[in-house]
Amino acid sequence: MDDSSIYIYNVQVDKMKSKLRGHQKRITGLAFSTSLNILVSSGADAHLCVWSIFTWVKRKSVAMQIPAGKAPTGDTRIQFQSDQIRLLVVHETQLAIYDASKMERIRQWIPEDVLPAPISYATYSCNNQSVYATFLDGNVGVFEADSLRLRCRIASSVYLSQAILKGKQAVYPLVVAAHPMEANQFAIGLSDGSVKVMEPTESEGKWGVSQTVDSGVVNGSTTSSSTTGNHIPDQLQR
């Protein structure tokens, strides 16, 4: 809810069971883990809260580490990987992977260099091997799910016409959804109301190639991302 509360409903009898409070600003994300028996919530306060699904007691609250010079504002969205332990956390300032069993961050990627704009959305591919992320400057990034290494960048010129690119109003992706069966296919919803479906060319077969340079923070240690993606060619839409 906008008032920072979470309502737990029994839909069979249309009755609210619990009202949870742990955030300071509106709730922007919720994700259940069936293996850990928890509910994780995220809010516009840049915090993550962990709740027991048996007692609805808050187990832990974690403040996200916002990069220096950036404001801890905007929506934070979350999604569990198929193992129901690793948690993808998406904020305009970063992509991050958390171990939800301890709520410890194990990976972080921060926008810069070839992808410097704020992140608008991100999601796992259906096979959980990739993360598709969209940016407010029109770019789309394809990342390796475990390492958050950038595999390739898809420029807005790939999927937008020259008339739109030269128009007065900027058009950019607001949301991305992974195809439920095709691991290399995804859809992006744009700010002008249109939807584009993307996949690699037949000659490529997949998005980009594996890289050897980490970007962001790995296990708490900062690593350079200055070369990440600099030599990765844009992939074309089929």
C-alpha atoms as a PDB file:
ATOM      1  CA  MET A   1       0.000   0.000   0.000  1.00  0.00           C
ATOM      2  CA  ASP A   2       0.995   3.652  -0.413  1.00  0.00           C
ATOM      3  CA  ASP A   3       0.953   4.087   3.374  1.00  0.00           C
ATOM      4  CA  SER A   4       3.844   1.538   3.644  1.00  0.00           C
ATOM      5  CA  SER A   5       1.642  -1.271   4.998  1.00  0.00           C
ATOM      6  CA  ILE A   6       1.212  -4.823   3.678  1.00  0.00           C
ATOM      7  CA  TYR A   7      -2.128  -6.621   3.922  1.00  0.00           C
ATOM      8  CA  ILE A   8      -2.301 -10.419   4.178  1.00  0.00           C
ATOM      9  CA  TYR A   9      -5.632 -11.712   2.907  1.00  0.00           C
ATOM     10  CA  ASN A  10      -7.462 -15.022   3.158  1.00  0.00           C
ATOM     11  CA  VAL A  11      -9.138 -14.890  -0.243  1.00  0.00           C
ATOM     12  CA  GLN A  12     -11.406 -17.873   0.477  1.00  0.00           C
ATOM     13  CA  VAL A  13     -13.351 -15.893   3.036  1.00  0.00           C
ATOM     14  CA  ASP A  14     -12.383 -12.423   1.787  1.00  0.00           C
ATOM     15  CA  LYS A  15     -10.883 -11.472   5.132  1.00  0.00           C
ATOM     16  CA  MET A  16      -7.689  -9.684   6.083  1.00  0.00           C
ATOM     17  CA  LYS A  17      -5.535 -11.848   8.373  1.00  0.00           C
ATOM     18  CA  SER A  18      -2.642  -9.515   9.131  1.00  0.00           C
ATOM     19  CA  LYS A  19      -1.420  -6.006   8.539  1.00  0.00           C
ATOM     20  CA  LEU A  20       2.362  -5.734   8.349  1.00  0.00           C
ATOM     21  CA  ARG A  21       4.362  -2.576   8.991  1.00  0.00           C
ATOM     22  CA  GLY A  22       8.097  -2.307   8.530  1.00  0.00           C
ATOM     23  CA  HIS A  23       8.739   0.213   5.760  1.00  0.00           C
ATOM     24  CA  GLN A  24       8.796   4.001   5.920  1.00  0.00           C
ATOM     25  CA  LYS A  25       7.490   4.624   2.395  1.00  0.00           C
ATOM     26  CA  ARG A  26       5.151   2.954  -0.091  1.00  0.00           C
ATOM     27  CA  ILE A  27       5.521  -0.756  -0.852  1.00  0.00           C
ATOM     28  CA  THR A  28       6.866  -1.349  -4.376  1.00  0.00           C
ATOM     29  CA  GLY A  29       7.638  -5.094  -4.443  1.00  0.00           C
ATOM     30  CA  LEU A  30       6.602  -8.416  -2.869  1.00  0.00           C
ATOM     31  CA  ALA A  31       8.034 -11.900  -3.416  1.00  0.00           C
ATOM     32  CA  PHE A  32       7.347 -15.233  -1.683  1.00  0.00           C
ATOM     33  CA  SER A  33       9.955 -17.968  -1.221  1.00  0.00           C
ATOM     34  CA  THR A  34       8.423 -21.406  -0.767  1.00  0.00           C
ATOM     35  CA  SER A  35      11.763 -22.998   0.146  1.00  0.00           C
ATOM     36  CA  LEU A  36      12.581 -20.433   2.847  1.00  0.00           C
ATOM     37  CA  ASN A  37       8.963 -19.890   3.984  1.00  0.00           C
ATOM     38  CA  ILE A  38       9.312 -16.136   3.848  1.00  0.00           C
ATOM     39  CA  LEU A  39       7.799 -13.089   2.213  1.00  0.00           C
ATOM     40  CA  VAL A  40      10.253 -10.395   1.140  1.00  0.00           C
ATOM     41  CA  SER A  41       9.026  -6.850   0.663  1.00  0.00           C
ATOM     42  CA  SER A  42      10.698  -3.839  -0.911  1.00  0.00           C
ATOM     43  CA  GLY A  43       9.773  -0.213  -0.687  1.00  0.00           C
ATOM     44  CA  ALA A  44      10.487   3.277  -1.949  1.00  0.00           C
ATOM     45  CA  ASP A  45      12.568   3.709   1.213  1.00  0.00           C
ATOM     46  CA  ALA A  46      15.319   1.508  -0.324  1.00  0.00           C
ATOM     47  CA  HIS A  47      14.814  -1.158   2.356  1.00  0.00           C
ATOM     48  CA  LEU A  48      14.117  -4.892   2.148  1.00  0.00           C
ATOM     49  CA  CYS A  49      12.080  -6.630   4.852  1.00  0.00           C
ATOM     50  CA  VAL A  50      11.778 -10.369   5.494  1.00  0.00           C
ATOM     51  CA  TRP A  51       8.588 -11.790   7.031  1.00  0.00           C
ATOM     52  CA  SER A  52       7.746 -15.278   8.317  1.00  0.00           C
ATOM     53  CA  ILE A  53       4.795 -16.721   6.384  1.00  0.00           C
ATOM     54  CA  PHE A  54       3.699 -18.649   9.500  1.00  0.00           C
ATOM     55  CA  THR A  55       3.615 -15.860  12.086  1.00  0.00           C
ATOM     56  CA  TRP A  56       3.942 -12.773   9.827  1.00  0.00           C
ATOM     57  CA  VAL A  57       6.603 -11.494  12.213  1.00  0.00           C
ATOM     58  CA  LYS A  58       9.360  -9.438  10.656  1.00  0.00           C
ATOM     59  CA  ARG A  59      12.624 -11.379  10.750  1.00  0.00           C
ATOM     60  CA  LYS A  60      14.959  -8.803   9.308  1.00  0.00           C
ATOM     61  CA  SER A  61      15.201  -5.394   7.671  1.00  0.00           C
ATOM     62  CA  VAL A  62      18.069  -4.529   5.341  1.00  0.00           C
ATOM     63  CA  ALA A  63      18.989  -1.134   3.924  1.00  0.00           C
ATOM     64  CA  MET A  64      20.162  -1.236   0.325  1.00  0.00           C
ATOM     65  CA  GLN A  65      23.599   0.217  -0.360  1.00  0.00           C
ATOM     66  CA  ILE A  66      22.921   3.153  -2.648  1.00  0.00           C
ATOM     67  CA  PRO A  67      25.920   4.377  -4.707  1.00  0.00           C
ATOM     68  CA  ALA A  68      27.549   7.584  -3.505  1.00  0.00           C
ATOM     69  CA  GLY A  69      25.893  10.703  -4.834  1.00  0.00           C
ATOM     70  CA  LYS A  70      22.617   8.914  -5.627  1.00  0.00           C
ATOM     71  CA  ALA A  71      19.352   9.434  -3.754  1.00  0.00           C
ATOM     72  CA  PRO A  72      17.641   6.432  -2.084  1.00  0.00           C
ATOM     73  CA  THR A  73      14.368   7.209  -3.840  1.00  0.00           C
ATOM     74  CA  GLY A  74      12.231   5.490  -6.461  1.00  0.00           C
ATOM     75  CA  ASP A  75      10.707   2.044  -6.684  1.00  0.00           C
ATOM     76  CA  THR A  76      12.596  -1.096  -5.672  1.00  0.00           C
ATOM     77  CA  ARG A  77      11.395  -4.323  -7.291  1.00  0.00           C
ATOM     78  CA  ILE A  78      12.289  -7.888  -6.362  1.00  0.00           C
ATOM     79  CA  GLN A  79      12.059 -11.346  -7.940  1.00  0.00           C
ATOM     80  CA  PHE A  80      13.228 -14.764  -6.736  1.00  0.00           C
ATOM     81  CA  GLN A  81      15.314 -16.978  -8.960  1.00  0.00           C
ATOM     82  CA  SER A  82      14.059 -20.557  -9.490  1.00  0.00           C
ATOM     83  CA  ASP A  83      16.075 -21.810  -6.500  1.00  0.00           C
ATOM     84  CA  GLN A  84      13.884 -19.558  -4.305  1.00  0.00           C
ATOM     85  CA  ILE A  85      17.002 -18.404  -2.455  1.00  0.00           C
ATOM     86  CA  ARG A  86      18.715 -15.894  -4.732  1.00  0.00           C
ATOM     87  CA  LEU A  87      16.771 -12.658  -4.972  1.00  0.00           C
ATOM     88  CA  LEU A  88      17.060 -10.153  -7.808  1.00  0.00           C
ATOM     89  CA  VAL A  89      16.734  -6.584  -6.495  1.00  0.00           C
ATOM     90  CA  VAL A  90      16.135  -3.819  -9.028  1.00  0.00           C
ATOM     91  CA  HIS A  91      16.502  -0.114  -8.284  1.00  0.00           C
ATOM     92  CA  GLU A  92      17.165   2.756 -10.668  1.00  0.00           C
ATOM     93  CA  THR A  93      20.720   2.910  -9.279  1.00  0.00           C
ATOM     94  CA  GLN A  94      21.601  -0.793  -9.410  1.00  0.00           C
ATOM     95  CA  LEU A  95      20.958  -4.440 -10.062  1.00  0.00           C
ATOM     96  CA  ALA A  96      21.756  -6.660  -7.099  1.00  0.00           C
ATOM     97  CA  ILE A  97      21.586 -10.333  -6.142  1.00  0.00           C
ATOM     98  CA  TYR A  98      20.901 -11.237  -2.508  1.00  0.00           C
ATOM     99  CA  ASP A  99      21.100 -14.545  -0.674  1.00  0.00           C
ATOM    100  CA  ALA A 100      17.658 -14.403   0.933  1.00  0.00           C
ATOM    101  CA  SER A 101      18.512 -17.044   3.542  1.00  0.00           C
ATOM    102  CA  LYS A 102      20.841 -14.475   5.135  1.00  0.00           C
ATOM    103  CA  MET A 103      19.692 -11.354   3.268  1.00  0.00           C
ATOM    104  CA  GLU A 104      23.283 -10.692   2.278  1.00  0.00           C
ATOM    105  CA  ARG A 105      24.166  -9.051  -1.012  1.00  0.00           C
ATOM    106  CA  ILE A 106      26.397 -11.241  -3.160  1.00  0.00           C
ATOM    107  CA  ARG A 107      26.428  -9.264  -6.436  1.00  0.00           C
ATOM    108  CA  GLN A 108      25.853  -5.688  -7.550  1.00  0.00           C
ATOM    109  CA  TRP A 109      25.972  -3.900 -10.898  1.00  0.00           C
ATOM    110  CA  ILE A 110      25.869  -0.101 -11.114  1.00  0.00           C
ATOM    111  CA  PRO A 111      24.969   1.803 -14.317  1.00  0.00           C
ATOM    112  CA  GLU A 112      27.937   3.514 -15.968  1.00  0.00           C
ATOM    113  CA  ASP A 113      29.990   3.583 -19.162  1.00  0.00           C
ATOM    114  CA  VAL A 114      27.959   2.054 -22.038  1.00  0.00           C
ATOM    115  CA  LEU A 115      24.840   1.813 -19.840  1.00  0.00           C
ATOM    116  CA  PRO A 116      24.894   4.962 -17.699  1.00  0.00           C
ATOM    117  CA  ALA A 117      21.177   5.788 -17.481  1.00  0.00           C
ATOM    118  CA  PRO A 118      18.863   4.897 -14.578  1.00  0.00           C
ATOM    119  CA  ILE A 119      17.336   1.413 -14.693  1.00  0.00           C
ATOM    120  CA  SER A 120      13.591   1.292 -15.330  1.00  0.00           C
ATOM    121  CA  TYR A 121      12.961  -2.452 -14.910  1.00  0.00           C
ATOM    122  CA  ALA A 122      14.624  -5.882 -14.929  1.00  0.00           C
ATOM    123  CA  THR A 123      13.618  -9.547 -14.863  1.00  0.00           C
ATOM    124  CA  TYR A 124      15.044 -13.070 -15.042  1.00  0.00           C
ATOM    125  CA  SER A 125      14.799 -15.029 -18.284  1.00  0.00           C
ATOM    126  CA  CYS A 126      12.571 -18.122 -18.133  1.00  0.00           C
ATOM    127  CA  ASN A 127      15.601 -20.409 -17.654  1.00  0.00           C
ATOM    128  CA  ASN A 128      17.060 -18.070 -15.004  1.00  0.00           C
ATOM    129  CA  GLN A 129      20.352 -17.856 -16.902  1.00  0.00           C
ATOM    130  CA  SER A 130      19.994 -14.208 -17.929  1.00  0.00           C
ATOM    131  CA  VAL A 131      18.689 -10.918 -16.575  1.00  0.00           C
ATOM    132  CA  TYR A 132      17.024  -8.503 -18.994  1.00  0.00           C
ATOM    133  CA  ALA A 133      17.221  -4.868 -17.869  1.00  0.00           C
ATOM    134  CA  THR A 134      15.789  -1.721 -19.451  1.00  0.00           C
ATOM    135  CA  PHE A 135      17.112   1.818 -19.093  1.00  0.00           C
ATOM    136  CA  LEU A 136      15.559   5.264 -19.284  1.00  0.00           C
ATOM    137  CA  ASP A 137      17.746   6.275 -22.238  1.00  0.00           C
ATOM    138  CA  GLY A 138      16.231   3.495 -24.379  1.00  0.00           C
ATOM    139  CA  ASN A 139      18.991   0.915 -24.014  1.00  0.00           C
ATOM    140  CA  VAL A 140      18.381  -2.707 -23.038  1.00  0.00           C
ATOM    141  CA  GLY A 141      21.057  -4.782 -21.295  1.00  0.00           C
ATOM    142  CA  VAL A 142      21.371  -8.567 -21.195  1.00  0.00           C
ATOM    143  CA  PHE A 143      23.304  -9.822 -18.166  1.00  0.00           C
ATOM    144  CA  GLU A 144      24.462 -13.209 -16.910  1.00  0.00           C
ATOM    145  CA  ALA A 145      22.177 -14.039 -14.006  1.00  0.00           C
ATOM    146  CA  ASP A 146      24.752 -15.325 -11.527  1.00  0.00           C
ATOM    147  CA  SER A 147      27.586 -12.850 -12.082  1.00  0.00           C
ATOM    148  CA  LEU A 148      25.658  -9.838 -13.447  1.00  0.00           C
ATOM    149  CA  ARG A 149      28.264  -9.590 -16.187  1.00  0.00           C
ATOM    150  CA  LEU A 150      26.998  -7.613 -19.157  1.00  0.00           C
ATOM    151  CA  ARG A 151      26.600  -9.866 -22.204  1.00  0.00           C
ATOM    152  CA  CYS A 152      25.366  -7.278 -24.682  1.00  0.00           C
ATOM    153  CA  ARG A 153      23.690  -3.920 -25.109  1.00  0.00           C
ATOM    154  CA  ILE A 154      20.708  -3.357 -27.404  1.00  0.00           C
ATOM    155  CA  ALA A 155      20.439   0.279 -28.484  1.00  0.00           C
ATOM    156  CA  SER A 156      17.120   2.039 -29.020  1.00  0.00           C
ATOM    157  CA  SER A 157      18.026   2.449 -32.691  1.00  0.00           C
ATOM    158  CA  VAL A 158      17.532  -1.317 -33.070  1.00  0.00           C
ATOM    159  CA  TYR A 159      13.829  -1.268 -32.235  1.00  0.00           C
ATOM    160  CA  LEU A 160      12.702   2.349 -32.810  1.00  0.00           C
ATOM    161  CA  SER A 161      12.165   4.077 -36.156  1.00  0.00           C
ATOM    162  CA  GLN A 162      14.192   7.123 -37.137  1.00  0.00           C
ATOM    163  CA  ALA A 163      11.023   9.228 -36.989  1.00  0.00           C
ATOM    164  CA  ILE A 164      10.518   8.298 -33.337  1.00  0.00           C
ATOM    165  CA  LEU A 165      14.203   8.734 -32.485  1.00  0.00           C
ATOM    166  CA  LYS A 166      14.192  12.224 -33.980  1.00  0.00           C
ATOM    167  CA  GLY A 167      10.871  13.172 -32.399  1.00  0.00           C
ATOM    168  CA  LYS A 168      10.489  15.741 -29.643  1.00  0.00           C
ATOM    169  CA  GLN A 169       9.266  13.207 -27.100  1.00  0.00           C
ATOM    170  CA  ALA A 170      11.731  10.570 -25.913  1.00  0.00           C
ATOM    171  CA  VAL A 171      10.479   6.976 -26.071  1.00  0.00           C
ATOM    172  CA  TYR A 172      11.998   4.435 -23.704  1.00  0.00           C
ATOM    173  CA  PRO A 173      11.140   1.054 -22.139  1.00  0.00           C
ATOM    174  CA  LEU A 174       9.259   1.068 -18.842  1.00  0.00           C
ATOM    175  CA  VAL A 175       8.899  -2.674 -18.289  1.00  0.00           C
ATOM    176  CA  VAL A 176      10.364  -5.945 -19.564  1.00  0.00           C
ATOM    177  CA  ALA A 177       8.817  -9.429 -19.465  1.00  0.00           C
ATOM    178  CA  ALA A 178      10.610 -12.694 -20.256  1.00  0.00           C
ATOM    179  CA  HIS A 179       8.997 -15.209 -22.622  1.00  0.00           C
ATOM    180  CA  PRO A 180       7.792 -18.188 -20.513  1.00  0.00           C
ATOM    181  CA  MET A 181       9.360 -20.830 -22.799  1.00  0.00           C
ATOM    182  CA  GLU A 182      11.903 -19.135 -25.112  1.00  0.00           C
ATOM    183  CA  ALA A 183      14.905 -18.232 -22.960  1.00  0.00           C
ATOM    184  CA  ASN A 184      16.335 -15.685 -25.423  1.00  0.00           C
ATOM    185  CA  GLN A 185      13.068 -13.893 -26.159  1.00  0.00           C
ATOM    186  CA  PHE A 186      11.544 -11.043 -24.197  1.00  0.00           C
ATOM    187  CA  ALA A 187       9.091  -8.174 -24.582  1.00  0.00           C
ATOM    188  CA  ILE A 188       9.515  -4.537 -23.635  1.00  0.00           C
ATOM    189  CA  GLY A 189       6.691  -2.102 -22.975  1.00  0.00           C
ATOM    190  CA  LEU A 190       7.474   1.434 -24.103  1.00  0.00           C
ATOM    191  CA  SER A 191       6.493   4.841 -22.793  1.00  0.00           C
ATOM    192  CA  ASP A 192       4.468   5.549 -25.951  1.00  0.00           C
ATOM    193  CA  GLY A 193       2.183   2.565 -25.269  1.00  0.00           C
ATOM    194  CA  SER A 194       3.762   0.168 -27.766  1.00  0.00           C
ATOM    195  CA  VAL A 195       5.238  -3.275 -27.105  1.00  0.00           C
ATOM    196  CA  LYS A 196       8.266  -4.773 -28.864  1.00  0.00           C
ATOM    197  CA  VAL A 197       9.255  -8.450 -28.830  1.00  0.00           C
ATOM    198  CA  MET A 198      13.005  -9.020 -29.054  1.00  0.00           C
ATOM    199  CA  GLU A 199      15.131 -12.037 -29.902  1.00  0.00           C
ATOM    200  CA  PRO A 200      18.629 -12.600 -31.354  1.00  0.00           C
ATOM    201  CA  THR A 201      19.175 -13.018 -35.060  1.00  0.00           C
ATOM    202  CA  GLU A 202      19.229 -16.606 -36.313  1.00  0.00           C
ATOM    203  CA  SER A 203      22.968 -16.350 -36.986  1.00  0.00           C
ATOM    204  CA  GLU A 204      23.674 -15.300 -33.403  1.00  0.00           C
ATOM    205  CA  GLY A 205      21.333 -17.712 -31.666  1.00  0.00           C
ATOM    206  CA  LYS A 206      21.762 -16.051 -28.281  1.00  0.00           C
ATOM    207  CA  TRP A 207      22.435 -12.658 -26.748  1.00  0.00           C
ATOM    208  CA  GLY A 208      26.114 -11.777 -26.724  1.00  0.00           C
ATOM    209  CA  VAL A 209      29.010 -13.798 -25.382  1.00  0.00           C
ATOM    210  CA  SER A 210      30.347 -14.502 -21.909  1.00  0.00           C
ATOM    211  CA  GLN A 211      32.626 -11.764 -20.581  1.00  0.00           C
ATOM    212  CA  THR A 212      35.500 -11.998 -18.142  1.00  0.00           C
ATOM    213  CA  VAL A 213      35.201  -8.613 -16.453  1.00  0.00           C
ATOM    214  CA  ASP A 214      32.925  -8.192 -13.437  1.00  0.00           C
ATOM    215  CA  SER A 215      31.123  -4.904 -12.981  1.00  0.00           C
ATOM    216  CA  GLY A 216      30.167  -3.451  -9.637  1.00  0.00           C
ATOM    217  CA  VAL A 217      30.680  -5.188  -6.326  1.00  0.00           C
ATOM    218  CA  VAL A 218      31.410  -8.880  -5.904  1.00  0.00           C
ATOM    219  CA  ASN A 219      31.164 -10.373  -2.427  1.00  0.00           C
ATOM    220  CA  GLY A 220      31.689  -6.965  -0.906  1.00  0.00           C
ATOM    221  CA  SER A 221      34.780  -6.063  -2.951  1.00  0.00           C
ATOM    222  CA  THR A 222      34.607  -3.308  -5.550  1.00  0.00           C
ATOM    223  CA  THR A 223      35.748  -4.286  -9.050  1.00  0.00           C
ATOM    224  CA  SER A 224      36.118  -2.077 -12.077  1.00  0.00           C
ATOM    225  CA  SER A 225      33.352  -1.930 -14.656  1.00  0.00           C
ATOM    226  CA  SER A 226      35.109   0.581 -16.896  1.00  0.00           C
ATOM    227  CA  THR A 227      35.652  -1.969 -19.668  1.00  0.00           C
ATOM    228  CA  THR A 228      32.490  -3.975 -19.294  1.00  0.00           C
ATOM    229  CA  GLY A 229      30.533  -3.971 -22.534  1.00  0.00           C
ATOM    230  CA  ASN A 230      32.864  -1.531 -24.310  1.00  0.00           C
ATOM    231  CA  HIS A 231      33.675  -4.030 -27.054  1.00  0.00           C
ATOM    232  CA  ILE A 232      30.351  -5.852 -27.181  1.00  0.00           C
ATOM    233  CA  PRO A 233      28.509  -5.182 -30.452  1.00  0.00           C
ATOM    234  CA  ASP A 234      24.851  -4.260 -30.358  1.00  0.00           C
ATOM    235  CA  GLN A 235      22.612  -7.216 -31.160  1.00  0.00           C
ATOM    236  CA  LEU A 236      19.975  -6.826 -33.853  1.00  0.00           C
ATOM    237  CA  GLN A 237      16.312  -7.651 -33.599  1.00  0.00           C
ATOM    238  CA  ARG A 238      15.214 -10.416 -35.960  1.00  0.00           C
END
